Amino acid sequence: FFQFLNQKHNTTLTIMGDAAALRNTLSQTDNTMPGIQSSSREMMRFYDKPGGPPLAVSEWRSVLQTSSPSLSLPLLYVANEVLQTSKRNRGSKFLEAFSPVLGSSLMFIVGRDRSAVEKVRRTVKVWGDRRVFSMRFVMDLLAGLDNYREGGSGVANV
């Protein structure tokens, strides 16, 4: 029994250490393909861990909210890479983990940097084109970005 408890405690410590390492990796992501792929691979390591994808997405969102605006698009591209890789090769765990926070995260990104709106919209459209998400969900995400386009009056809340 004590061995089981100790094993469970060590597993919890390991995943929390992994979360700290992920947070560190994400906060150092740059806008290069190798940087984005490296951060994406780090997130994908959480796929098969108990509670892994939701924890990884939570760390991603935390870094997004606390980082400089210049990191927003690279973090979106990391999410894009994770979502497409997950859908193509693994399954739906990351899609399910990202879905509840994507809309507000996208609005947060464009609220910080209006010049990013079309890049964000293009990424969302790719999710529809490649059937990462349903067209209905993609259209909902795009509609949420409409106020941030030229002439809109969006306000960022996460």
N, C-alpha and C. Protein backbone atom coordinates (compact mmCIF):
# COMPACT_ATOMS: atom_id res chain seq x y z
N PHE A 1 0.83 -1.20 0.00
CA PHE A 1 0.00 0.00 0.00
C PHE A 1 0.87 1.26 0.00
N PHE A 2 1.90 1.30 0.88
CA PHE A 2 2.76 2.47 0.95
C PHE A 2 3.57 2.64 -0.33
N GLN A 3 3.92 1.52 -0.95
CA GLN A 3 4.63 1.58 -2.22
C GLN A 3 3.74 2.23 -3.29
N PHE A 4 2.45 1.88 -3.27
CA PHE A 4 1.50 2.48 -4.20
C PHE A 4 1.41 3.98 -3.98
N LEU A 5 1.27 4.40 -2.71
CA LEU A 5 1.19 5.83 -2.40
C LEU A 5 2.46 6.56 -2.82
N ASN A 6 3.60 5.97 -2.54
CA ASN A 6 4.87 6.58 -2.92
C ASN A 6 4.98 6.69 -4.44
N GLN A 7 4.55 5.65 -5.14
CA GLN A 7 4.58 5.67 -6.61
C GLN A 7 3.67 6.78 -7.15
N LYS A 8 2.47 6.91 -6.58
CA LYS A 8 1.53 7.95 -7.00
C LYS A 8 2.11 9.33 -6.71
N HIS A 9 2.75 9.50 -5.55
CA HIS A 9 3.38 10.77 -5.19
C HIS A 9 4.50 11.11 -6.18
N ASN A 10 5.33 10.13 -6.53
CA ASN A 10 6.42 10.35 -7.48
C ASN A 10 5.88 10.69 -8.86
N THR A 11 4.78 10.06 -9.27
CA THR A 11 4.17 10.37 -10.57
C THR A 11 3.68 11.82 -10.58
N THR A 12 3.06 12.25 -9.48
CA THR A 12 2.59 13.64 -9.39
C THR A 12 3.76 14.61 -9.45
N LEU A 13 4.84 14.30 -8.73
CA LEU A 13 6.02 15.17 -8.78
C LEU A 13 6.62 15.22 -10.17
N THR A 14 6.64 14.07 -10.84
CA THR A 14 7.21 14.02 -12.19
C THR A 14 6.40 14.88 -13.15
N ILE A 15 5.08 14.74 -13.14
CA ILE A 15 4.27 15.50 -14.09
C ILE A 15 4.33 17.00 -13.77
N MET A 16 4.45 17.36 -12.49
CA MET A 16 4.56 18.78 -12.14
C MET A 16 5.92 19.32 -12.60
N GLY A 17 6.96 18.51 -12.48
CA GLY A 17 8.28 18.91 -13.00
C GLY A 17 8.24 19.05 -14.51
N ASP A 18 7.53 18.13 -15.16
CA ASP A 18 7.37 18.20 -16.60
C ASP A 18 6.61 19.47 -17.00
N ALA A 19 5.62 19.84 -16.20
CA ALA A 19 4.83 21.05 -16.48
C ALA A 19 5.72 22.28 -16.38
N ALA A 20 6.59 22.31 -15.38
CA ALA A 20 7.51 23.45 -15.23
C ALA A 20 8.47 23.52 -16.41
N ALA A 21 8.95 22.36 -16.85
CA ALA A 21 9.85 22.32 -18.02
C ALA A 21 9.11 22.79 -19.28
N LEU A 22 7.85 22.38 -19.42
CA LEU A 22 7.05 22.82 -20.57
C LEU A 22 6.85 24.32 -20.53
N ARG A 23 6.51 24.85 -19.37
CA ARG A 23 6.32 26.30 -19.23
C ARG A 23 7.59 27.05 -19.64
N ASN A 24 8.72 26.54 -19.23
CA ASN A 24 10.00 27.14 -19.58
C ASN A 24 10.24 27.09 -21.09
N THR A 25 9.99 25.93 -21.68
CA THR A 25 10.17 25.78 -23.13
C THR A 25 9.25 26.72 -23.89
N LEU A 26 7.98 26.76 -23.50
CA LEU A 26 7.01 27.62 -24.20
C LEU A 26 7.39 29.09 -24.08
N SER A 27 7.87 29.49 -22.92
CA SER A 27 8.20 30.91 -22.72
C SER A 27 9.43 31.33 -23.52
N GLN A 28 10.16 30.36 -24.04
CA GLN A 28 11.34 30.67 -24.85
C GLN A 28 11.12 30.39 -26.34
N THR A 29 9.88 30.10 -26.72
CA THR A 29 9.57 29.82 -28.12
C THR A 29 9.86 31.05 -28.97
N ASP A 30 10.49 30.84 -30.11
CA ASP A 30 10.68 31.96 -31.03
C ASP A 30 9.85 31.70 -32.28
N ASN A 31 9.84 32.65 -33.17
CA ASN A 31 8.98 32.57 -34.35
C ASN A 31 9.67 31.87 -35.52
N THR A 32 10.48 30.86 -35.21
CA THR A 32 11.12 30.06 -36.25
C THR A 32 10.47 28.69 -36.26
N MET A 33 10.51 28.02 -37.39
CA MET A 33 9.92 26.69 -37.48
C MET A 33 10.58 25.71 -36.50
N PRO A 34 11.93 25.70 -36.37
CA PRO A 34 12.52 24.79 -35.37
C PRO A 34 12.06 25.10 -33.95
N GLY A 35 11.93 26.37 -33.61
CA GLY A 35 11.47 26.75 -32.27
C GLY A 35 10.05 26.31 -32.02
N ILE A 36 9.18 26.50 -33.00
CA ILE A 36 7.78 26.12 -32.88
C ILE A 36 7.65 24.59 -32.79
N GLN A 37 8.41 23.88 -33.62
CA GLN A 37 8.36 22.42 -33.61
C GLN A 37 8.89 21.86 -32.29
N SER A 38 9.93 22.46 -31.76
CA SER A 38 10.50 22.00 -30.48
C SER A 38 9.48 22.16 -29.36
N SER A 39 8.82 23.30 -29.30
CA SER A 39 7.79 23.53 -28.27
C SER A 39 6.60 22.60 -28.47
N SER A 40 6.25 22.36 -29.71
CA SER A 40 5.15 21.45 -30.03
C SER A 40 5.48 20.03 -29.56
N ARG A 41 6.68 19.58 -29.84
CA ARG A 41 7.10 18.24 -29.40
C ARG A 41 7.04 18.13 -27.87
N GLU A 42 7.45 19.19 -27.19
CA GLU A 42 7.41 19.20 -25.73
C GLU A 42 5.97 19.05 -25.24
N MET A 43 5.04 19.74 -25.89
CA MET A 43 3.63 19.61 -25.50
C MET A 43 3.11 18.20 -25.81
N MET A 44 3.48 17.64 -26.95
CA MET A 44 3.00 16.32 -27.35
C MET A 44 3.47 15.23 -26.39
N ARG A 45 4.55 15.47 -25.66
CA ARG A 45 5.03 14.49 -24.67
C ARG A 45 3.98 14.26 -23.58
N PHE A 46 3.04 15.17 -23.43
CA PHE A 46 1.99 15.06 -22.42
C PHE A 46 0.81 14.23 -22.89
N TYR A 47 0.80 13.82 -24.15
CA TYR A 47 -0.39 13.19 -24.73
C TYR A 47 -0.87 11.97 -23.94
N ASP A 48 0.05 11.09 -23.59
CA ASP A 48 -0.34 9.84 -22.94
C ASP A 48 -0.25 9.87 -21.42
N LYS A 49 0.11 10.99 -20.85
CA LYS A 49 0.18 11.09 -19.39
C LYS A 49 -1.22 11.32 -18.83
N PRO A 50 -1.51 10.74 -17.66
CA PRO A 50 -2.83 10.99 -17.05
C PRO A 50 -3.03 12.49 -16.81
N GLY A 51 -4.09 13.04 -17.38
CA GLY A 51 -4.37 14.47 -17.24
C GLY A 51 -3.40 15.33 -18.01
N GLY A 52 -2.61 14.73 -18.89
CA GLY A 52 -1.54 15.42 -19.60
C GLY A 52 -1.98 16.53 -20.55
N PRO A 53 -2.83 16.22 -21.53
CA PRO A 53 -3.23 17.29 -22.46
C PRO A 53 -3.88 18.50 -21.77
N PRO A 54 -4.83 18.32 -20.84
CA PRO A 54 -5.37 19.51 -20.18
C PRO A 54 -4.31 20.29 -19.40
N LEU A 55 -3.37 19.59 -18.78
CA LEU A 55 -2.30 20.27 -18.06
C LEU A 55 -1.41 21.04 -19.03
N ALA A 56 -1.05 20.42 -20.15
CA ALA A 56 -0.21 21.08 -21.15
C ALA A 56 -0.90 22.33 -21.70
N VAL A 57 -2.19 22.23 -21.99
CA VAL A 57 -2.95 23.37 -22.51
C VAL A 57 -3.04 24.47 -21.45
N SER A 58 -3.21 24.09 -20.21
CA SER A 58 -3.25 25.06 -19.13
C SER A 58 -1.91 25.82 -19.04
N GLU A 59 -0.82 25.10 -19.18
CA GLU A 59 0.50 25.75 -19.17
C GLU A 59 0.66 26.66 -20.38
N TRP A 60 0.20 26.20 -21.54
CA TRP A 60 0.26 27.01 -22.77
C TRP A 60 -0.50 28.32 -22.56
N ARG A 61 -1.70 28.21 -22.02
CA ARG A 61 -2.53 29.38 -21.81
C ARG A 61 -1.92 30.33 -20.79
N SER A 62 -1.34 29.78 -19.75
CA SER A 62 -0.69 30.59 -18.72
C SER A 62 0.48 31.38 -19.31
N VAL A 63 1.29 30.71 -20.12
CA VAL A 63 2.41 31.40 -20.76
C VAL A 63 1.88 32.47 -21.71
N LEU A 64 0.84 32.16 -22.47
CA LEU A 64 0.24 33.15 -23.38
C LEU A 64 -0.18 34.39 -22.62
N GLN A 65 -0.84 34.21 -21.49
CA GLN A 65 -1.38 35.35 -20.74
C GLN A 65 -0.31 36.17 -20.03
N THR A 66 0.82 35.57 -19.73
CA THR A 66 1.84 36.28 -18.95
C THR A 66 3.05 36.70 -19.77
N SER A 67 3.10 36.32 -21.03
CA SER A 67 4.26 36.63 -21.86
C SER A 67 4.09 37.98 -22.58
N SER A 68 5.14 38.40 -23.21
CA SER A 68 5.08 39.63 -24.00
C SER A 68 4.23 39.38 -25.25
N PRO A 69 3.62 40.42 -25.79
CA PRO A 69 2.80 40.25 -27.00
C PRO A 69 3.57 39.63 -28.17
N SER A 70 4.88 39.81 -28.22
CA SER A 70 5.65 39.25 -29.33
C SER A 70 5.68 37.72 -29.31
N LEU A 71 5.31 37.12 -28.20
CA LEU A 71 5.28 35.66 -28.11
C LEU A 71 3.92 35.08 -28.49
N SER A 72 2.92 35.93 -28.65
CA SER A 72 1.55 35.45 -28.91
C SER A 72 1.43 34.63 -30.18
N LEU A 73 1.91 35.14 -31.30
CA LEU A 73 1.80 34.38 -32.55
C LEU A 73 2.63 33.09 -32.52
N PRO A 74 3.88 33.13 -32.05
CA PRO A 74 4.59 31.85 -31.96
C PRO A 74 3.84 30.82 -31.11
N LEU A 75 3.21 31.25 -30.02
CA LEU A 75 2.45 30.30 -29.20
C LEU A 75 1.21 29.79 -29.94
N LEU A 76 0.59 30.65 -30.73
CA LEU A 76 -0.53 30.18 -31.56
C LEU A 76 -0.04 29.12 -32.55
N TYR A 77 1.12 29.36 -33.13
CA TYR A 77 1.66 28.39 -34.10
C TYR A 77 2.05 27.08 -33.42
N VAL A 78 2.46 27.14 -32.16
CA VAL A 78 2.72 25.92 -31.40
C VAL A 78 1.40 25.16 -31.22
N ALA A 79 0.35 25.86 -30.82
CA ALA A 79 -0.97 25.23 -30.66
C ALA A 79 -1.42 24.62 -31.98
N ASN A 80 -1.23 25.34 -33.07
CA ASN A 80 -1.59 24.85 -34.40
C ASN A 80 -0.86 23.54 -34.71
N GLU A 81 0.43 23.51 -34.47
CA GLU A 81 1.23 22.31 -34.72
C GLU A 81 0.75 21.14 -33.86
N VAL A 82 0.49 21.41 -32.59
CA VAL A 82 0.01 20.37 -31.67
C VAL A 82 -1.36 19.85 -32.13
N LEU A 83 -2.26 20.76 -32.47
CA LEU A 83 -3.60 20.36 -32.89
C LEU A 83 -3.57 19.52 -34.16
N GLN A 84 -2.81 19.96 -35.15
CA GLN A 84 -2.76 19.21 -36.40
C GLN A 84 -2.07 17.86 -36.22
N THR A 85 -0.98 17.84 -35.46
CA THR A 85 -0.26 16.58 -35.21
C THR A 85 -1.14 15.62 -34.43
N SER A 86 -1.81 16.14 -33.41
CA SER A 86 -2.69 15.32 -32.59
C SER A 86 -3.80 14.71 -33.45
N LYS A 87 -4.44 15.52 -34.24
CA LYS A 87 -5.55 15.05 -35.08
C LYS A 87 -5.07 14.01 -36.10
N ARG A 88 -3.93 14.27 -36.71
CA ARG A 88 -3.41 13.43 -37.77
C ARG A 88 -2.84 12.10 -37.24
N ASN A 89 -2.13 12.15 -36.11
CA ASN A 89 -1.36 10.99 -35.68
C ASN A 89 -1.79 10.33 -34.39
N ARG A 90 -2.49 11.05 -33.52
CA ARG A 90 -2.70 10.52 -32.19
C ARG A 90 -4.17 10.35 -31.83
N GLY A 91 -4.95 11.39 -31.96
CA GLY A 91 -6.34 11.32 -31.54
C GLY A 91 -6.84 12.68 -31.11
N SER A 92 -7.87 12.69 -30.29
CA SER A 92 -8.58 13.94 -30.02
C SER A 92 -8.28 14.57 -28.66
N LYS A 93 -7.36 14.01 -27.88
CA LYS A 93 -7.15 14.54 -26.52
C LYS A 93 -6.77 16.02 -26.51
N PHE A 94 -5.88 16.43 -27.39
CA PHE A 94 -5.50 17.85 -27.41
C PHE A 94 -6.61 18.72 -28.00
N LEU A 95 -7.35 18.19 -28.96
CA LEU A 95 -8.47 18.96 -29.50
C LEU A 95 -9.49 19.23 -28.40
N GLU A 96 -9.77 18.21 -27.59
CA GLU A 96 -10.72 18.37 -26.49
C GLU A 96 -10.18 19.33 -25.43
N ALA A 97 -8.88 19.30 -25.20
CA ALA A 97 -8.29 20.17 -24.17
C ALA A 97 -8.24 21.63 -24.64
N PHE A 98 -7.95 21.84 -25.92
CA PHE A 98 -7.84 23.21 -26.43
C PHE A 98 -9.21 23.85 -26.71
N SER A 99 -10.19 23.06 -27.10
CA SER A 99 -11.48 23.61 -27.54
C SER A 99 -12.09 24.64 -26.60
N PRO A 100 -12.17 24.37 -25.29
CA PRO A 100 -12.82 25.35 -24.40
C PRO A 100 -12.09 26.68 -24.27
N VAL A 101 -10.79 26.71 -24.56
CA VAL A 101 -10.02 27.95 -24.35
C VAL A 101 -9.60 28.64 -25.64
N LEU A 102 -9.84 28.01 -26.78
CA LEU A 102 -9.35 28.59 -28.04
C LEU A 102 -9.98 29.94 -28.35
N GLY A 103 -11.29 30.04 -28.26
CA GLY A 103 -11.96 31.29 -28.62
C GLY A 103 -11.43 32.47 -27.83
N SER A 104 -11.39 32.33 -26.51
CA SER A 104 -10.91 33.45 -25.68
C SER A 104 -9.42 33.69 -25.87
N SER A 105 -8.66 32.63 -26.13
CA SER A 105 -7.22 32.80 -26.36
C SER A 105 -6.95 33.55 -27.67
N LEU A 106 -7.71 33.22 -28.70
CA LEU A 106 -7.54 33.91 -29.98
C LEU A 106 -7.91 35.39 -29.83
N MET A 107 -8.99 35.67 -29.11
CA MET A 107 -9.38 37.07 -28.90
C MET A 107 -8.34 37.80 -28.05
N PHE A 108 -7.74 37.11 -27.11
CA PHE A 108 -6.68 37.71 -26.30
C PHE A 108 -5.50 38.09 -27.19
N ILE A 109 -5.12 37.19 -28.10
CA ILE A 109 -3.99 37.44 -29.01
C ILE A 109 -4.25 38.68 -29.87
N VAL A 110 -5.41 38.72 -30.51
CA VAL A 110 -5.68 39.85 -31.41
C VAL A 110 -6.01 41.12 -30.64
N GLY A 111 -6.48 40.98 -29.41
CA GLY A 111 -6.72 42.16 -28.58
C GLY A 111 -5.41 42.84 -28.19
N ARG A 112 -4.36 42.07 -28.07
CA ARG A 112 -3.04 42.61 -27.74
C ARG A 112 -2.36 43.20 -28.97
N ASP A 113 -2.66 42.62 -30.13
CA ASP A 113 -1.98 43.03 -31.35
C ASP A 113 -2.94 42.92 -32.53
N ARG A 114 -3.59 44.04 -32.82
CA ARG A 114 -4.58 44.06 -33.92
C ARG A 114 -3.97 43.66 -35.27
N SER A 115 -2.68 43.90 -35.43
CA SER A 115 -2.05 43.56 -36.72
C SER A 115 -1.97 42.05 -36.93
N ALA A 116 -2.24 41.26 -35.89
CA ALA A 116 -2.17 39.80 -35.99
C ALA A 116 -3.49 39.17 -36.45
N VAL A 117 -4.54 39.96 -36.59
CA VAL A 117 -5.88 39.41 -36.86
C VAL A 117 -5.89 38.50 -38.08
N GLU A 118 -5.35 38.95 -39.19
CA GLU A 118 -5.44 38.13 -40.41
C GLU A 118 -4.60 36.86 -40.30
N LYS A 119 -3.48 36.92 -39.59
CA LYS A 119 -2.66 35.71 -39.39
C LYS A 119 -3.40 34.71 -38.52
N VAL A 120 -4.08 35.21 -37.50
CA VAL A 120 -4.87 34.34 -36.63
C VAL A 120 -6.02 33.73 -37.43
N ARG A 121 -6.72 34.56 -38.20
CA ARG A 121 -7.83 34.06 -39.02
C ARG A 121 -7.35 33.00 -40.01
N ARG A 122 -6.20 33.21 -40.62
CA ARG A 122 -5.66 32.24 -41.58
C ARG A 122 -5.40 30.91 -40.89
N THR A 123 -4.86 30.95 -39.68
CA THR A 123 -4.59 29.72 -38.93
C THR A 123 -5.89 28.99 -38.63
N VAL A 124 -6.91 29.72 -38.20
CA VAL A 124 -8.21 29.13 -37.89
C VAL A 124 -8.81 28.50 -39.16
N LYS A 125 -8.69 29.18 -40.29
CA LYS A 125 -9.22 28.64 -41.54
C LYS A 125 -8.52 27.34 -41.92
N VAL A 126 -7.24 27.23 -41.63
CA VAL A 126 -6.50 25.98 -41.89
C VAL A 126 -7.13 24.83 -41.10
N TRP A 127 -7.56 25.11 -39.86
CA TRP A 127 -8.18 24.07 -39.05
C TRP A 127 -9.46 23.57 -39.71
N GLY A 128 -10.18 24.44 -40.37
CA GLY A 128 -11.36 24.02 -41.10
C GLY A 128 -11.00 23.26 -42.36
N ASP A 129 -10.06 23.81 -43.14
CA ASP A 129 -9.64 23.18 -44.39
C ASP A 129 -9.10 21.77 -44.18
N ARG A 130 -8.36 21.60 -43.09
CA ARG A 130 -7.74 20.28 -42.80
C ARG A 130 -8.59 19.44 -41.86
N ARG A 131 -9.79 19.91 -41.60
CA ARG A 131 -10.76 19.20 -40.76
C ARG A 131 -10.21 18.84 -39.38
N VAL A 132 -9.43 19.76 -38.84
CA VAL A 132 -8.95 19.60 -37.46
C VAL A 132 -10.14 19.75 -36.53
N PHE A 133 -10.96 20.76 -36.80
CA PHE A 133 -12.20 21.00 -36.07
C PHE A 133 -13.35 21.03 -37.06
N SER A 134 -14.56 20.92 -36.55
CA SER A 134 -15.74 21.00 -37.42
C SER A 134 -15.83 22.40 -38.01
N MET A 135 -16.46 22.50 -39.16
CA MET A 135 -16.63 23.82 -39.79
C MET A 135 -17.48 24.73 -38.89
N ARG A 136 -18.41 24.16 -38.18
CA ARG A 136 -19.24 24.97 -37.28
C ARG A 136 -18.38 25.63 -36.20
N PHE A 137 -17.48 24.85 -35.60
CA PHE A 137 -16.60 25.39 -34.56
C PHE A 137 -15.65 26.43 -35.16
N VAL A 138 -15.12 26.15 -36.33
CA VAL A 138 -14.23 27.10 -37.01
C VAL A 138 -14.97 28.40 -37.31
N MET A 139 -16.20 28.30 -37.79
CA MET A 139 -16.98 29.51 -38.08
C MET A 139 -17.26 30.30 -36.80
N ASP A 140 -17.50 29.61 -35.70
CA ASP A 140 -17.70 30.29 -34.41
C ASP A 140 -16.43 31.03 -33.99
N LEU A 141 -15.28 30.39 -34.17
CA LEU A 141 -14.01 31.05 -33.84
C LEU A 141 -13.79 32.28 -34.70
N LEU A 142 -14.04 32.14 -36.00
CA LEU A 142 -13.86 33.27 -36.92
C LEU A 142 -14.82 34.41 -36.57
N ALA A 143 -16.06 34.07 -36.23
CA ALA A 143 -17.04 35.10 -35.86
C ALA A 143 -16.57 35.86 -34.62
N GLY A 144 -15.92 35.17 -33.69
CA GLY A 144 -15.41 35.82 -32.49
C GLY A 144 -14.30 36.81 -32.79
N LEU A 145 -13.67 36.66 -33.94
CA LEU A 145 -12.58 37.56 -34.32
C LEU A 145 -13.05 38.74 -35.16
N ASP A 146 -14.30 38.72 -35.61
CA ASP A 146 -14.80 39.76 -36.51
C ASP A 146 -14.65 41.17 -35.96
N ASN A 147 -14.91 41.36 -34.68
CA ASN A 147 -14.82 42.71 -34.09
C ASN A 147 -13.40 43.26 -34.07
N TYR A 148 -12.44 42.41 -34.25
CA TYR A 148 -11.04 42.85 -34.20
C TYR A 148 -10.50 43.21 -35.59
N ARG A 149 -11.29 42.96 -36.60
CA ARG A 149 -10.86 43.29 -37.96
C ARG A 149 -10.97 44.80 -38.16
N GLU A 150 -10.48 45.25 -39.27
CA GLU A 150 -10.51 46.67 -39.62
C GLU A 150 -11.88 47.27 -39.31
N GLY A 151 -11.91 48.27 -38.46
CA GLY A 151 -13.17 48.95 -38.12
C GLY A 151 -13.92 48.35 -36.95
N GLY A 152 -13.43 47.21 -36.42
CA GLY A 152 -14.11 46.58 -35.28
C GLY A 152 -13.70 47.25 -33.98
N SER A 153 -14.35 46.85 -32.90
CA SER A 153 -14.02 47.46 -31.60
C SER A 153 -13.89 46.40 -30.53
N GLY A 154 -13.15 45.33 -30.83
CA GLY A 154 -13.01 44.22 -29.89
C GLY A 154 -12.22 44.61 -28.65
N VAL A 155 -12.55 43.96 -27.55
CA VAL A 155 -11.83 44.14 -26.30
C VAL A 155 -11.37 42.76 -25.85
N ALA A 156 -10.11 42.64 -25.46
CA ALA A 156 -9.55 41.34 -25.10
C ALA A 156 -9.87 40.99 -23.65
N ASN A 157 -10.53 39.86 -23.48
CA ASN A 157 -10.76 39.29 -22.16
C ASN A 157 -10.42 37.82 -22.24
N VAL A 158 -9.67 37.33 -21.25
CA VAL A 158 -9.37 35.88 -21.23
C VAL A 158 -9.86 35.32 -19.93
